[in-house]
Amino acid sequence: MGSTDRMIRSILAVGALGLIASKKVTGGTAVALGALATMFALTSSSGHCPAYDVAGIDTLEARDIVNLDF
């Protein structure tokens, strides 16, 4: 997962949690949004999305790869 993808997921997770915390979203919608925010937070922090594996999607860009040659 590329850095742009990870940043977007992080922003969406924080935004979703903000909507829930401010009570703009409640009930079942808040639960679903909370689950989505959790998924986004976990996948962005790990840099891996299992759904991308299944779909064959790769958002990793050359600039995201760090050369660790010593």
Protein backbone atom coordinates (compact mmCIF):
# COMPACT_ATOMS: atom_id res chain seq x y z
CA MET A 1 0.00 0.00 0.00
CA GLY A 2 1.42 3.36 -1.01
CA SER A 3 1.90 6.39 1.20
CA THR A 4 -0.88 8.36 -0.52
CA ASP A 5 -3.32 5.50 0.03
CA ARG A 6 -2.27 5.20 3.68
CA MET A 7 -2.70 8.95 4.25
CA ILE A 8 -6.18 9.00 2.69
CA ARG A 9 -7.27 6.04 4.84
CA SER A 10 -5.93 7.73 7.98
CA ILE A 11 -7.78 10.97 7.20
CA LEU A 12 -11.01 9.08 6.51
CA ALA A 13 -10.68 7.13 9.77
CA VAL A 14 -10.16 10.30 11.82
CA GLY A 15 -13.05 12.03 10.04
CA ALA A 16 -15.38 9.11 10.66
CA LEU A 17 -14.45 8.98 14.33
CA GLY A 18 -15.02 12.74 14.54
CA LEU A 19 -18.54 12.33 13.17
CA ILE A 20 -19.28 9.62 15.72
CA ALA A 21 -17.76 11.57 18.63
CA SER A 22 -19.73 14.71 17.74
CA LYS A 23 -22.95 12.64 17.59
CA LYS A 24 -23.62 13.71 13.99
CA VAL A 25 -23.94 9.99 13.23
CA THR A 26 -25.71 7.67 15.66
CA GLY A 27 -27.21 4.21 15.96
CA GLY A 28 -26.46 1.50 13.44
CA THR A 29 -24.86 3.98 11.07
CA ALA A 30 -22.36 4.95 13.77
CA VAL A 31 -21.54 1.30 14.40
CA ALA A 32 -20.97 0.64 10.69
CA LEU A 33 -18.93 3.83 10.32
CA GLY A 34 -16.91 2.90 13.40
CA ALA A 35 -16.14 -0.52 11.92
CA LEU A 36 -15.06 1.11 8.66
CA ALA A 37 -12.90 3.62 10.53
CA THR A 38 -11.28 0.78 12.48
CA MET A 39 -10.55 -1.11 9.27
CA PHE A 40 -9.06 2.00 7.66
CA ALA A 41 -6.92 2.69 10.74
CA LEU A 42 -5.61 -0.88 10.90
CA THR A 43 -4.85 -1.16 7.19
CA SER A 44 -3.20 2.25 7.02
CA SER A 45 -1.02 1.55 10.05
CA SER A 46 0.04 -1.88 8.77
CA GLY A 47 0.40 -0.82 5.14
CA HIS A 48 -1.43 -3.93 4.00
CA CYS A 49 -5.00 -4.40 2.75
CA PRO A 50 -6.22 -8.00 2.35
CA ALA A 51 -8.95 -6.83 -0.07
CA TYR A 52 -6.23 -5.40 -2.33
CA ASP A 53 -4.57 -8.85 -2.41
CA VAL A 54 -7.81 -10.47 -3.55
CA ALA A 55 -8.46 -7.78 -6.17
CA GLY A 56 -4.84 -7.67 -7.35
CA ILE A 57 -4.47 -3.97 -6.54
CA ASP A 58 -1.06 -2.47 -5.75
CA THR A 59 -0.82 1.21 -4.80
CA LEU A 60 2.84 1.07 -3.77
CA GLU A 61 4.86 3.58 -5.77
CA ALA A 62 8.60 3.64 -6.44
CA ARG A 63 9.04 6.61 -4.09
CA ASP A 64 7.52 4.57 -1.25
CA ILE A 65 10.22 1.92 -1.45
CA VAL A 66 13.20 2.62 0.80
CA ASN A 67 16.57 1.29 -0.26
CA LEU A 68 18.22 -0.18 2.84
CA ASP A 69 21.52 -1.24 1.30
CA PHE A 70 24.32 -0.88 3.83
